[in-house]
Amino acid sequence: MPIPPQRCLQTQRIGAIALTVSDVDCSRAFYTQALGFKVVSDITINKPNYCQLEGVEDSRIRTMTLCLGAEIIRLIQYLDRLGKPIPADSRSNDRWFQHIAIVVSDMDRAYAHLASFPIEPISTSPQTIPPDNKEAAYIQAFKFKDLDRHNVELIGFPPDKGQTKWHQPTNQLFLGIDHTAIVVTDTAQSLDFYRDSLGMTVEGGSFNWGETQARMDDLPNAKVRVTALRPVQGGLGIELLEYVEPTDGRPIPPDWDRTDIAHVQVELVVNDLQPVVNRLHSYNIALTLSSIIELANYLPNKRGCRVNDPTGHALLLIEE
């Protein structure tokens, strides 16, 4: 049941995208050298409250924060345990698929630069969405996997698409992160959660199909419904990807946990956490919610709560 508009929570912004990695130092080298990220901080935590928040016990957790432009990712390594790797047969329509979309100023130069690094391509090459898809016409994209096989996309916007900041004069090749895209089971159900329950705004969308999409996703006959969402303050957004075809995408396995390499967590900053938790409970949304935890030694003077969305993607709600 959607929350009535007058009671609707407004998510302020996306604070970061957190990736579980097998080796922070290897991932740091890749993201800084191949994609232009800069290191912001590097901390190791062994505190009961943070371990409780992450759903693990007595673990030493190394967290390295990187930025690209105004956007942030966190590389998280569990130093005393190694989770399961991402399945080798993962496909773009599996429910655990999630990518970060890195905006580039010149797709040809970015693709050439990336070719010298050990990536695993998903797309056959950079693809340009054709003009008959008016909502997404002339957007360029190339999808690949990083060292741990996390999904990454390079995206280039034509002058009439994308946020204004992506069109400012610059000498930079890699500009920032436009969105994280997640495969969802059902768009309407996900909109009940992200728009009606968490107060994000639908910014636009498209229906992508044809050979271009098939080459981009490495999926024959790919047809995908795309819905773009932004928080109140704009910036980094979330894209919902519902694959109409093919329909054989697999659900997120119930035994996956936060130490597994497939784990990606979106940090949503909200202005008042307890009412958010109350609303998620009171409106009978079938979700897994953690208790509210103080985030000392990670984000001082902040409180957080873990929740999985209706498809199973991981979120960390953080109080502003």
Protein backbone atom coordinates (compact mmCIF):
# COMPACT_ATOMS: atom_id res chain seq x y z
CA MET A 1 0.00 0.00 0.00
CA PRO A 2 1.61 3.31 -1.06
CA ILE A 3 2.09 5.96 1.59
CA PRO A 4 -0.28 8.92 1.09
CA PRO A 5 1.56 11.93 -0.42
CA GLN A 6 1.07 14.13 2.63
CA ARG A 7 2.95 11.59 4.75
CA CYS A 8 5.56 10.72 2.14
CA LEU A 9 9.15 10.57 3.26
CA GLN A 10 11.63 12.46 1.12
CA THR A 11 14.98 10.78 0.60
CA GLN A 12 17.47 13.64 0.50
CA ARG A 13 20.28 12.09 -1.53
CA ILE A 14 22.24 8.95 -2.23
CA GLY A 15 25.34 9.14 -0.04
CA ALA A 16 27.37 6.34 -1.62
CA ILE A 17 27.36 3.00 -3.40
CA ALA A 18 29.18 0.30 -1.41
CA LEU A 19 30.75 -2.75 -3.10
CA THR A 20 31.99 -5.83 -1.26
CA VAL A 21 35.39 -6.68 -2.76
CA SER A 22 37.93 -9.48 -2.36
CA ASP A 23 40.94 -7.15 -2.08
CA VAL A 24 40.61 -3.43 -1.38
CA ASP A 25 44.07 -2.59 -2.69
CA CYS A 26 43.50 -4.31 -6.04
CA SER A 27 40.12 -2.65 -6.44
CA ARG A 28 41.57 0.74 -5.46
CA ALA A 29 44.23 0.42 -8.14
CA PHE A 30 41.63 -0.42 -10.76
CA TYR A 31 39.15 2.32 -9.90
CA THR A 32 41.79 5.04 -9.55
CA GLN A 33 43.89 4.11 -12.59
CA ALA A 34 41.22 2.87 -15.00
CA LEU A 35 38.32 5.17 -14.07
CA GLY A 36 39.81 8.26 -12.44
CA PHE A 37 38.54 7.87 -8.88
CA LYS A 38 40.40 9.47 -5.96
CA VAL A 39 40.89 8.01 -2.47
CA VAL A 40 39.05 9.91 0.28
CA SER A 41 39.62 7.66 3.31
CA ASP A 42 40.76 4.19 4.34
CA ILE A 43 39.64 2.80 7.70
CA THR A 44 39.45 -0.60 9.37
CA ILE A 45 36.60 -1.15 11.81
CA ASN A 46 36.09 -3.86 14.42
CA LYS A 47 33.24 -2.39 16.45
CA PRO A 48 30.19 -4.34 17.63
CA ASN A 49 27.69 -1.70 16.50
CA TYR A 50 29.04 -1.55 12.96
CA CYS A 51 29.33 -5.33 12.70
CA GLN A 52 25.72 -5.56 13.90
CA LEU A 53 24.67 -3.04 11.28
CA GLU A 54 26.39 -5.08 8.57
CA GLY A 55 24.79 -8.26 9.83
CA VAL A 56 28.08 -10.01 10.69
CA GLU A 57 29.71 -10.87 13.99
CA ASP A 58 33.22 -10.08 15.23
CA SER A 59 34.58 -9.13 11.85
CA ARG A 60 37.37 -6.74 10.90
CA ILE A 61 35.97 -4.64 8.07
CA ARG A 62 38.16 -2.45 5.90
CA THR A 63 36.32 0.36 4.14
CA MET A 64 37.96 2.57 1.52
CA THR A 65 35.99 5.56 0.29
CA LEU A 66 36.63 6.83 -3.24
CA CYS A 67 35.13 9.78 -5.10
CA LEU A 68 34.63 10.64 -8.74
CA GLY A 69 33.43 14.21 -9.08
CA ALA A 70 30.73 14.66 -6.42
CA GLU A 71 29.83 10.96 -6.18
CA ILE A 72 31.19 8.38 -3.76
CA ILE A 73 31.74 4.63 -3.74
CA ARG A 74 32.95 2.50 -0.85
CA LEU A 75 35.09 -0.61 -1.28
CA ILE A 76 34.37 -2.98 1.62
CA GLN A 77 36.56 -5.97 2.45
CA TYR A 78 35.85 -8.42 5.26
CA LEU A 79 39.40 -9.16 6.35
CA ASP A 80 38.77 -12.38 8.26
CA ARG A 81 36.38 -14.04 5.83
CA LEU A 82 35.91 -14.28 2.08
CA GLY A 83 32.39 -14.50 0.74
CA LYS A 84 31.21 -16.34 -2.31
CA PRO A 85 32.28 -14.97 -5.71
CA ILE A 86 29.79 -13.59 -8.20
CA PRO A 87 28.45 -16.54 -10.24
CA ALA A 88 30.44 -17.02 -13.44
CA ASP A 89 27.24 -17.43 -15.46
CA SER A 90 25.64 -14.15 -14.29
CA ARG A 91 23.58 -12.40 -16.95
CA SER A 92 22.25 -8.87 -17.30
CA ASN A 93 18.67 -9.90 -16.48
CA ASP A 94 19.49 -11.76 -13.24
CA ARG A 95 17.89 -10.01 -10.27
CA TRP A 96 21.26 -9.47 -8.57
CA PHE A 97 22.50 -7.42 -11.54
CA GLN A 98 23.44 -3.91 -10.47
CA HIS A 99 25.81 -1.45 -12.09
CA ILE A 100 27.19 2.00 -11.47
CA ALA A 101 26.95 4.28 -14.52
CA ILE A 102 30.07 6.41 -14.95
CA VAL A 103 29.62 9.46 -17.16
CA VAL A 104 32.33 10.11 -19.74
CA SER A 105 32.99 13.21 -21.79
CA ASP A 106 34.25 11.23 -24.82
CA MET A 107 33.15 7.61 -25.23
CA ASP A 108 35.75 6.70 -27.85
CA ARG A 109 38.65 7.95 -25.68
CA ALA A 110 37.23 6.36 -22.53
CA TYR A 111 36.76 3.01 -24.26
CA ALA A 112 40.29 3.11 -25.67
CA HIS A 113 41.71 3.95 -22.24
CA LEU A 114 39.76 1.17 -20.55
CA ALA A 115 40.95 -1.40 -23.11
CA SER A 116 44.41 -1.48 -21.50
CA PHE A 117 42.96 -2.79 -18.20
CA PRO A 118 41.83 -6.34 -17.33
CA ILE A 119 38.09 -5.90 -17.73
CA GLU A 120 35.50 -8.45 -18.80
CA PRO A 121 33.24 -6.87 -21.45
CA ILE A 122 29.50 -7.33 -21.32
CA SER A 123 28.72 -5.15 -24.34
CA THR A 124 30.30 -6.09 -27.65
CA SER A 125 31.50 -2.46 -27.97
CA PRO A 126 30.11 1.00 -27.12
CA GLN A 127 26.50 1.19 -28.32
CA THR A 128 24.46 4.22 -29.38
CA ILE A 129 20.72 4.07 -28.77
CA PRO A 130 18.96 4.71 -32.10
CA PRO A 131 16.75 7.77 -32.81
CA ASP A 132 13.50 5.79 -32.89
CA ASN A 133 13.81 5.42 -29.11
CA LYS A 134 13.04 9.09 -28.44
CA GLU A 135 13.43 9.02 -24.65
CA ALA A 136 16.99 7.62 -24.87
CA ALA A 137 18.05 8.53 -28.40
CA TYR A 138 21.81 8.92 -28.99
CA ILE A 139 22.81 7.97 -25.44
CA GLN A 140 26.02 5.93 -25.65
CA ALA A 141 26.79 3.06 -23.29
CA PHE A 142 29.33 0.31 -22.73
CA LYS A 143 28.95 -2.29 -19.97
CA PHE A 144 31.73 -4.37 -18.44
CA LYS A 145 32.82 -6.15 -15.26
CA ASP A 146 35.57 -5.01 -12.87
CA LEU A 147 38.20 -7.24 -11.23
CA ASP A 148 35.62 -8.87 -8.92
CA ARG A 149 33.05 -9.00 -11.76
CA HIS A 150 30.94 -6.14 -10.39
CA ASN A 151 29.02 -4.50 -13.22
CA VAL A 152 30.05 -1.05 -14.45
CA GLU A 153 28.72 1.08 -17.29
CA LEU A 154 30.32 3.93 -19.17
CA ILE A 155 27.62 6.34 -20.34
CA GLY A 156 27.77 9.36 -22.62
CA PHE A 157 24.90 11.82 -22.91
CA PRO A 158 24.00 13.83 -26.02
CA PRO A 159 23.37 17.56 -25.42
CA ASP A 160 19.62 17.10 -24.82
CA LYS A 161 19.94 14.25 -22.32
CA GLY A 162 21.33 13.89 -18.80
CA GLN A 163 21.87 16.29 -15.92
CA THR A 164 23.15 19.79 -16.65
CA LYS A 165 26.41 19.13 -14.83
CA TRP A 166 27.44 16.51 -17.37
CA HIS A 167 27.53 19.18 -20.09
CA GLN A 168 29.87 21.68 -18.44
CA PRO A 169 33.19 22.39 -20.22
CA THR A 170 35.90 20.10 -18.82
CA ASN A 171 39.19 18.42 -19.60
CA GLN A 172 38.22 15.40 -17.50
CA LEU A 173 37.44 12.11 -19.24
CA PHE A 174 35.55 10.43 -16.37
CA LEU A 175 33.11 12.91 -14.81
CA GLY A 176 31.12 11.19 -12.07
CA ILE A 177 28.38 8.65 -11.42
CA ASP A 178 24.95 9.38 -12.87
CA HIS A 179 23.06 6.45 -11.34
CA THR A 180 23.13 2.90 -10.14
CA ALA A 181 20.89 0.56 -12.14
CA ILE A 182 19.18 -2.45 -10.55
CA VAL A 183 17.20 -5.26 -12.13
CA VAL A 184 13.78 -5.46 -10.50
CA THR A 185 11.08 -8.10 -10.45
CA ASP A 186 8.22 -5.66 -11.03
CA THR A 187 8.40 -1.93 -11.79
CA ALA A 188 5.09 -1.07 -10.11
CA GLN A 189 6.11 -2.85 -6.91
CA SER A 190 9.48 -1.10 -6.90
CA LEU A 191 7.83 2.28 -7.46
CA ASP A 192 5.61 1.64 -4.42
CA PHE A 193 8.83 1.28 -2.46
CA TYR A 194 11.21 3.89 -3.91
CA ARG A 195 8.72 6.57 -4.96
CA ASP A 196 5.72 6.16 -2.66
CA SER A 197 7.48 4.88 0.46
CA LEU A 198 10.90 6.53 0.22
CA GLY A 199 9.90 9.71 -1.57
CA MET A 200 12.13 9.55 -4.63
CA THR A 201 10.94 11.27 -7.82
CA VAL A 202 10.44 9.64 -11.20
CA GLU A 203 12.66 11.62 -13.56
CA GLY A 204 11.93 9.75 -16.76
CA GLY A 205 12.28 6.42 -18.45
CA SER A 206 12.35 4.50 -21.69
CA PHE A 207 11.62 1.14 -23.24
CA ASN A 208 14.77 -0.26 -24.84
CA TRP A 209 14.77 -3.06 -27.36
CA GLY A 210 16.37 -4.31 -30.57
CA GLU A 211 19.89 -5.24 -31.62
CA THR A 212 21.47 -2.27 -29.87
CA GLN A 213 20.12 -3.38 -26.49
CA ALA A 214 21.00 -7.00 -27.20
CA ARG A 215 24.62 -6.04 -27.95
CA MET A 216 24.75 -3.75 -24.91
CA ASP A 217 23.47 -6.42 -22.48
CA ASP A 218 24.78 -9.54 -24.23
CA LEU A 219 21.19 -10.82 -24.18
CA PRO A 220 19.41 -12.01 -27.33
CA ASN A 221 16.08 -10.24 -27.93
CA ALA A 222 16.57 -8.00 -24.90
CA LYS A 223 13.59 -5.78 -24.07
CA VAL A 224 13.87 -3.72 -20.91
CA ARG A 225 11.64 -1.14 -19.23
CA VAL A 226 13.81 1.58 -17.67
CA THR A 227 12.52 3.94 -14.95
CA ALA A 228 14.82 6.69 -13.64
CA LEU A 229 14.48 7.98 -10.05
CA ARG A 230 16.22 10.86 -8.24
CA PRO A 231 16.19 11.95 -4.59
CA VAL A 232 15.05 15.42 -3.52
CA GLN A 233 18.48 17.02 -3.81
CA GLY A 234 19.18 15.49 -7.22
CA GLY A 235 22.57 14.05 -8.00
CA LEU A 236 23.14 10.31 -8.05
CA GLY A 237 19.97 8.38 -8.91
CA ILE A 238 18.58 4.87 -9.20
CA GLU A 239 17.39 3.23 -12.40
CA LEU A 240 14.91 0.37 -12.29
CA LEU A 241 15.46 -2.23 -15.02
CA GLU A 242 12.57 -4.62 -15.66
CA TYR A 243 13.38 -7.18 -18.34
CA VAL A 244 10.27 -7.96 -20.37
CA GLU A 245 12.46 -10.32 -22.41
CA PRO A 246 14.20 -12.60 -21.79
CA THR A 247 12.18 -13.68 -18.77
CA ASP A 248 14.63 -16.23 -17.36
CA GLY A 249 16.43 -13.86 -14.95
CA ARG A 250 17.18 -15.58 -11.65
CA PRO A 251 16.21 -14.22 -8.20
CA ILE A 252 18.78 -13.19 -5.61
CA PRO A 253 19.63 -16.41 -3.72
CA PRO A 254 18.32 -16.31 -0.13
CA ASP A 255 21.63 -17.60 1.28
CA TRP A 256 23.71 -14.70 -0.05
CA ASP A 257 25.01 -12.40 2.67
CA ARG A 258 26.91 -9.15 3.02
CA THR A 259 30.33 -10.77 2.81
CA ASP A 260 29.58 -12.19 -0.65
CA ILE A 261 31.24 -10.34 -3.51
CA ALA A 262 27.91 -9.84 -5.29
CA HIS A 263 26.73 -7.65 -2.42
CA VAL A 264 26.16 -4.01 -3.41
CA GLN A 265 24.58 -1.54 -0.99
CA VAL A 266 23.04 1.86 -1.76
CA GLU A 267 23.26 4.42 1.05
CA LEU A 268 20.11 6.57 1.13
CA VAL A 269 20.24 9.69 3.31
CA VAL A 270 16.92 10.52 4.99
CA ASN A 271 16.02 13.37 7.31
CA ASP A 272 14.35 11.38 10.10
CA LEU A 273 15.05 7.67 10.39
CA GLN A 274 12.59 6.40 13.00
CA PRO A 275 9.46 7.53 11.13
CA VAL A 276 10.86 5.88 8.01
CA VAL A 277 11.20 2.56 9.81
CA ASN A 278 7.74 2.95 11.34
CA ARG A 279 6.18 3.64 7.96
CA LEU A 280 7.89 0.71 6.29
CA HIS A 281 6.50 -1.53 9.04
CA SER A 282 3.04 0.02 9.22
CA TYR A 283 2.34 -0.19 5.51
CA ASN A 284 2.97 -3.93 5.44
CA ILE A 285 5.77 -3.82 2.93
CA ALA A 286 7.33 -7.30 2.94
CA LEU A 287 10.89 -6.26 3.73
CA THR A 288 13.74 -7.27 5.99
CA LEU A 289 14.56 -4.36 8.32
CA SER A 290 17.42 -4.25 10.80
CA SER A 291 17.29 -2.34 14.05
CA ILE A 292 18.53 1.26 14.10
CA ILE A 293 22.26 1.35 14.89
CA GLU A 294 24.60 4.20 15.84
CA LEU A 295 27.26 4.60 13.12
CA ALA A 296 30.15 5.79 15.30
CA ASN A 297 33.60 5.07 13.77
CA TYR A 298 31.97 4.87 10.34
CA LEU A 299 29.79 7.95 10.02
CA PRO A 300 30.11 9.81 13.35
CA ASN A 301 26.89 11.19 14.88
CA LYS A 302 24.77 9.26 12.38
CA ARG A 303 22.28 6.42 12.76
CA GLY A 304 21.49 3.77 10.20
CA CYS A 305 19.19 0.89 9.37
CA ARG A 306 19.58 -1.88 6.80
CA VAL A 307 16.70 -2.82 4.52
CA ASN A 308 16.29 -4.88 1.36
CA ASP A 309 13.99 -3.60 -1.38
CA PRO A 310 11.17 -5.79 -2.78
CA THR A 311 13.56 -7.50 -5.22
CA GLY A 312 16.21 -8.04 -2.54
CA HIS A 313 18.70 -5.26 -3.29
CA ALA A 314 20.47 -3.95 -0.20
CA LEU A 315 20.01 -0.41 1.15
CA LEU A 316 21.44 1.42 4.13
CA LEU A 317 19.13 4.18 5.35
CA ILE A 318 21.16 6.90 7.08
CA GLU A 319 19.72 9.72 9.14
CA GLU A 320 20.79 13.21 8.01
